[in-house]
């Protein structure tokens, strides 16, 4: 499995997925601010170079985050965690990735250690989503503990205010994941997982889809633009996911992803077959 995970990591950091590229190209086409257009042109050049040369699209290859849906009947349950760690170590050396794991107490650089979110599922397959997450965008993550009375207007206000505070720090145009409900920690996890949905795809629930569209429009009306230097496109998408909440709580997790929205997926069948895609 290590080889397949290594290839998926390499795909994630060197090739921006087609849904993201399409949105960046559309932003370039509709932009008339010369500085914004220049920034988008350079972003698209970086995307092309990474794909052509097989090198990371951004120098910050991020904290490599794994969402693992592990089928309880998979024969690979015992080894998958070790395979993820060894594949990431190899990727750090061979692609290479920037060593981004720092010991908080000693400040010693430990290379790259994975962040893994586990979820046990029925069946015998293991599905892994890989999300390299750069420091600039991660630093803009936020948690808002609203009152239930504030509801969706409160969510909109909290997200827009956070976008205003961060301006160019998360390297816009960004994708914003929003998790509503659950607990404080679960809302943030939902928000990050929301980033895995394809850019341009609205939520299946029409009410949530409408909210995503309204929020995207309001964020882009701020004029922050590519790299925070003005323009029409501050965000190329907003993704919202929800969970049940406590009667007294209305937690909202907000997670930013930079324009270099890197992701890859793989599925491991019980017979050892592996499928990798973006």
Foldseek 3Di string as FASTA:
>chain_A
DLVVLLVQLLCQFQAFDPLLLVLLVVQLVVWDDVVLNVLSVVLNVLNVCSNVVSAGSDLQQAQKEKEKAAAPQAPCVVPPQVSNQVSLQVCCVVSNHDQDDADPPPRDGPRHGHHYHYHYDHDHKMKMKIWGAGPQQQVLKDKDKDWVVCPLVVVLVVQLVSCVVSLLRQQDPKEKFKEKADDRVVRQVNRVVQLPDRQPDADPPVVRSVSFVVSQCVNQVVQLHGSRPGIRGSYSTYGYDYDHHDNGTIMMIMGIGHSSGGMKMWMAGNVGDMDIGD
